[in-house]
Amino acid sequence: MVLSHIAEIVAAVDLPVNADFESGYSRDPEGVAENVRLCVETGVAGLSIEDATGYLSKPLYDLPLAVERIKVAREAIGTSGVLLIGRAECFLVGHAEPLKEAIVRLQAYADAGADVLYAPGVRERADIHAIVSAVSPKPVNVLMGSNTGLKVSDLAELGVRRISVGSSLARTAWGGFIRAAKAIVEDGSFAELDSGAPFAELNGFFREDQKMR
């Protein structure tokens, strides 16, 4: 199902598509390699492999196994030109020392063949700078999942080369929807509807999008 969805998105747009490929949908390196090979065949421009296990008792793969999973992903990508993003999930799984552990892991993933390094959940300017410096000259991706006070220009000054927003835009849209619906049901108020985009603006947006296709 994931491969089908990725292929559909790739076929629908002219822009390069990056696949959030979770942990490769396999624990074993062999399974990761095969799944990455299938993902490359969808036509993606990049894919990420994370080191989270999904288990609360042991949230991260041991480093040797995590590195091996990156290595086989790199081999499966081969000369296709697809970017491999190595993800360290330390900040998201509640590691006791997320910055220290993330740097160790990202450096190891860089050595294993990752093209881009990514530690989702890092928020502080100093921590971002530390990660960028630790893996230089390889590029770093930063997730902006909320308003941390940092702007695109700030991230650029810190040396960040890639920015993703994850589910943030979708959550923003759903947040507006839920607030407006609650106001109607609980308060009988339509005030939240004032934040909606006018029809003319939406029509203009989609009209311009069509022209660019």
Protein backbone atom coordinates (compact mmCIF):
# COMPACT_ATOMS: atom_id res chain seq x y z
CA MET A 1 0.00 0.00 0.00
CA VAL A 2 2.82 2.42 0.88
CA LEU A 3 4.61 1.73 -2.40
CA SER A 4 1.37 2.30 -4.30
CA HIS A 5 0.78 5.63 -2.56
CA ILE A 6 4.35 6.78 -3.21
CA ALA A 7 4.11 5.85 -6.89
CA GLU A 8 0.81 7.72 -7.20
CA ILE A 9 2.28 10.89 -5.71
CA VAL A 10 5.40 10.66 -7.87
CA ALA A 11 3.24 10.34 -10.99
CA ALA A 12 1.00 13.26 -10.00
CA VAL A 13 3.65 15.99 -9.64
CA ASP A 14 6.65 17.36 -11.50
CA LEU A 15 8.58 18.14 -8.32
CA PRO A 16 11.00 15.59 -6.85
CA VAL A 17 9.30 13.51 -4.15
CA ASN A 18 10.88 12.34 -0.92
CA ALA A 19 9.44 9.25 0.76
CA ASP A 20 9.20 9.05 4.54
CA PHE A 21 10.00 5.36 4.46
CA GLU A 22 9.71 4.86 8.22
CA SER A 23 12.20 2.22 9.40
CA GLY A 24 12.27 0.46 6.05
CA TYR A 25 9.23 -1.67 6.99
CA SER A 26 11.54 -4.42 8.22
CA ARG A 27 13.76 -5.07 11.18
CA ASP A 28 16.27 -7.19 9.30
CA PRO A 29 18.79 -5.54 6.95
CA GLU A 30 17.79 -7.97 4.20
CA GLY A 31 14.19 -6.84 4.38
CA VAL A 32 15.21 -3.18 4.45
CA ALA A 33 17.34 -3.68 1.33
CA GLU A 34 14.51 -5.31 -0.62
CA ASN A 35 11.95 -2.71 0.44
CA VAL A 36 14.30 0.15 -0.45
CA ARG A 37 14.85 -1.41 -3.88
CA LEU A 38 11.08 -1.47 -4.43
CA CYS A 39 10.75 2.12 -3.22
CA VAL A 40 13.43 3.29 -5.67
CA GLU A 41 11.41 1.71 -8.49
CA THR A 42 8.51 4.11 -7.74
CA GLY A 43 10.58 6.99 -9.08
CA VAL A 44 11.19 8.82 -5.81
CA ALA A 45 14.01 11.34 -5.56
CA GLY A 46 14.81 10.47 -1.96
CA LEU A 47 13.83 8.24 0.95
CA SER A 48 14.53 8.19 4.65
CA ILE A 49 15.35 5.31 6.97
CA GLU A 50 14.90 5.84 10.70
CA ASP A 51 16.33 3.98 13.66
CA ALA A 52 13.20 3.74 15.81
CA THR A 53 12.06 0.21 16.64
CA GLY A 54 8.48 1.07 17.58
CA TYR A 55 8.89 -0.61 20.98
CA LEU A 56 8.71 1.39 24.22
CA SER A 57 11.02 -1.03 26.01
CA LYS A 58 13.78 -0.46 23.46
CA PRO A 59 12.88 2.51 21.25
CA LEU A 60 16.09 2.64 19.17
CA TYR A 61 17.93 -0.05 17.26
CA ASP A 62 21.38 -0.80 18.65
CA LEU A 63 23.87 1.31 16.75
CA PRO A 64 25.63 -1.55 14.87
CA LEU A 65 22.30 -2.82 13.52
CA ALA A 66 21.11 0.70 12.75
CA VAL A 67 24.30 1.35 10.78
CA GLU A 68 23.97 -1.93 8.89
CA ARG A 69 20.43 -0.98 7.89
CA ILE A 70 21.73 2.28 6.40
CA LYS A 71 24.52 0.45 4.60
CA VAL A 72 22.20 -2.01 2.88
CA ALA A 73 19.82 0.81 1.96
CA ARG A 74 22.75 2.60 0.33
CA GLU A 75 23.65 -0.54 -1.60
CA ALA A 76 20.04 -1.05 -2.70
CA ILE A 77 19.88 2.52 -4.01
CA GLY A 78 23.04 1.94 -6.00
CA THR A 79 23.62 4.40 -8.84
CA SER A 80 19.96 5.42 -9.18
CA GLY A 81 20.65 8.92 -7.87
CA VAL A 82 18.05 8.60 -5.11
CA LEU A 83 19.05 10.46 -1.96
CA LEU A 84 19.29 8.45 1.26
CA ILE A 85 18.31 10.31 4.42
CA GLY A 86 19.55 8.80 7.67
CA ARG A 87 17.29 9.59 10.62
CA ALA A 88 18.18 9.51 14.31
CA GLU A 89 14.97 9.48 16.36
CA CYS A 90 16.60 10.28 19.72
CA PHE A 91 14.63 13.48 20.34
CA LEU A 92 11.30 11.85 19.53
CA VAL A 93 11.67 8.72 21.67
CA GLY A 94 12.69 10.50 24.87
CA HIS A 95 16.37 9.53 24.98
CA ALA A 96 18.14 10.75 28.13
CA GLU A 97 20.80 12.58 26.10
CA PRO A 98 19.17 13.12 22.71
CA LEU A 99 21.69 15.58 21.26
CA LYS A 100 24.76 13.56 22.20
CA GLU A 101 23.26 10.30 20.98
CA ALA A 102 21.89 11.86 17.79
CA ILE A 103 25.31 13.22 16.84
CA VAL A 104 26.96 9.84 17.37
CA ARG A 105 24.33 8.13 15.27
CA LEU A 106 24.21 10.71 12.49
CA GLN A 107 27.99 10.63 12.11
CA ALA A 108 27.83 6.85 11.84
CA TYR A 109 25.02 7.06 9.27
CA ALA A 110 27.04 9.56 7.25
CA ASP A 111 29.97 7.13 7.20
CA ALA A 112 27.56 4.34 6.21
CA GLY A 113 26.47 6.21 3.10
CA ALA A 114 23.59 8.50 4.07
CA ASP A 115 23.47 11.57 1.84
CA VAL A 116 21.43 13.72 4.23
CA LEU A 117 21.28 13.60 8.04
CA TYR A 118 18.12 14.20 10.03
CA ALA A 119 17.31 14.28 13.75
CA PRO A 120 13.59 15.15 13.93
CA GLY A 121 12.55 16.92 17.10
CA VAL A 122 15.60 19.16 17.54
CA ARG A 123 14.35 22.67 18.35
CA GLU A 124 17.11 24.74 19.96
CA ARG A 125 19.41 26.91 17.88
CA ALA A 126 22.53 25.64 19.66
CA ASP A 127 21.53 21.99 19.16
CA ILE A 128 20.89 22.53 15.45
CA HIS A 129 24.26 24.22 15.07
CA ALA A 130 25.95 21.34 16.91
CA ILE A 131 24.42 18.75 14.57
CA VAL A 132 25.26 20.72 11.42
CA SER A 133 28.86 21.12 12.58
CA ALA A 134 29.20 17.47 13.60
CA VAL A 135 28.25 16.01 10.20
CA SER A 136 29.65 18.73 7.93
CA PRO A 137 30.01 18.83 4.95
CA LYS A 138 27.00 16.53 4.56
CA PRO A 139 23.66 18.40 4.55
CA VAL A 140 21.27 18.40 7.49
CA ASN A 141 17.47 18.34 7.36
CA VAL A 142 15.49 20.02 10.15
CA LEU A 143 11.85 19.36 10.93
CA MET A 144 9.79 22.46 11.71
CA GLY A 145 6.72 20.95 13.32
CA SER A 146 5.74 24.05 15.29
CA ASN A 147 6.61 27.72 15.73
CA THR A 148 9.94 27.57 17.56
CA GLY A 149 10.73 31.18 16.84
CA LEU A 150 13.19 30.24 14.12
CA LYS A 151 12.66 31.43 10.55
CA VAL A 152 13.90 30.00 7.27
CA SER A 153 16.66 32.62 7.25
CA ASP A 154 17.74 31.57 10.75
CA LEU A 155 18.03 27.94 9.71
CA ALA A 156 20.00 28.96 6.64
CA GLU A 157 22.43 30.92 8.81
CA LEU A 158 22.87 27.84 11.00
CA GLY A 159 23.88 25.85 7.91
CA VAL A 160 20.70 23.81 7.52
CA ARG A 161 20.33 22.69 3.91
CA ARG A 162 16.90 21.10 3.95
CA ILE A 163 13.65 21.86 5.81
CA SER A 164 10.57 19.67 6.19
CA VAL A 165 7.30 20.44 7.93
CA GLY A 166 5.95 16.91 8.29
CA SER A 167 2.26 16.90 9.13
CA SER A 168 2.27 20.54 10.29
CA LEU A 169 0.34 22.06 7.38
CA ALA A 170 -2.30 19.32 7.55
CA ARG A 171 -2.58 19.72 11.34
CA THR A 172 -2.92 23.48 10.93
CA ALA A 173 -5.79 22.98 8.50
CA TRP A 174 -7.50 20.40 10.72
CA GLY A 175 -6.97 22.63 13.76
CA GLY A 176 -8.89 25.43 12.08
CA PHE A 177 -11.64 23.03 11.05
CA ILE A 178 -12.01 21.62 14.58
CA ARG A 179 -12.01 25.06 16.24
CA ALA A 180 -14.68 26.32 13.85
CA ALA A 181 -16.85 23.22 14.30
CA LYS A 182 -16.55 23.37 18.11
CA ALA A 183 -17.46 27.06 18.15
CA ILE A 184 -20.65 26.33 16.21
CA VAL A 185 -21.64 23.33 18.36
CA GLU A 186 -20.60 24.62 21.79
CA ASP A 187 -21.12 28.38 21.50
CA GLY A 188 -23.42 28.75 18.53
CA SER A 189 -20.77 31.07 17.08
CA PHE A 190 -19.62 31.36 13.49
CA ALA A 191 -16.75 33.70 14.34
CA GLU A 192 -14.06 31.14 13.49
CA LEU A 193 -15.27 31.05 9.89
CA ASP A 194 -13.72 34.50 9.39
CA SER A 195 -10.29 32.85 9.16
CA GLY A 196 -11.27 30.85 6.08
CA ALA A 197 -9.74 31.69 2.70
CA PRO A 198 -12.14 33.49 0.31
CA PHE A 199 -13.45 31.55 -2.69
CA ALA A 200 -11.74 33.96 -5.08
CA GLU A 201 -8.38 33.36 -3.43
CA LEU A 202 -8.80 29.57 -3.55
CA ASN A 203 -9.96 29.60 -7.15
CA GLY A 204 -7.03 31.81 -8.10
CA PHE A 205 -4.62 29.48 -6.31
CA PHE A 206 -5.86 26.38 -8.14
CA ARG A 207 -6.09 28.25 -11.44
CA GLU A 208 -2.43 29.25 -11.21
CA ASP A 209 -1.54 25.70 -10.25
CA GLN A 210 -3.23 24.41 -13.39
CA LYS A 211 -1.33 26.89 -15.56
CA MET A 212 1.98 25.60 -14.22
CA ARG A 213 1.25 21.99 -15.15
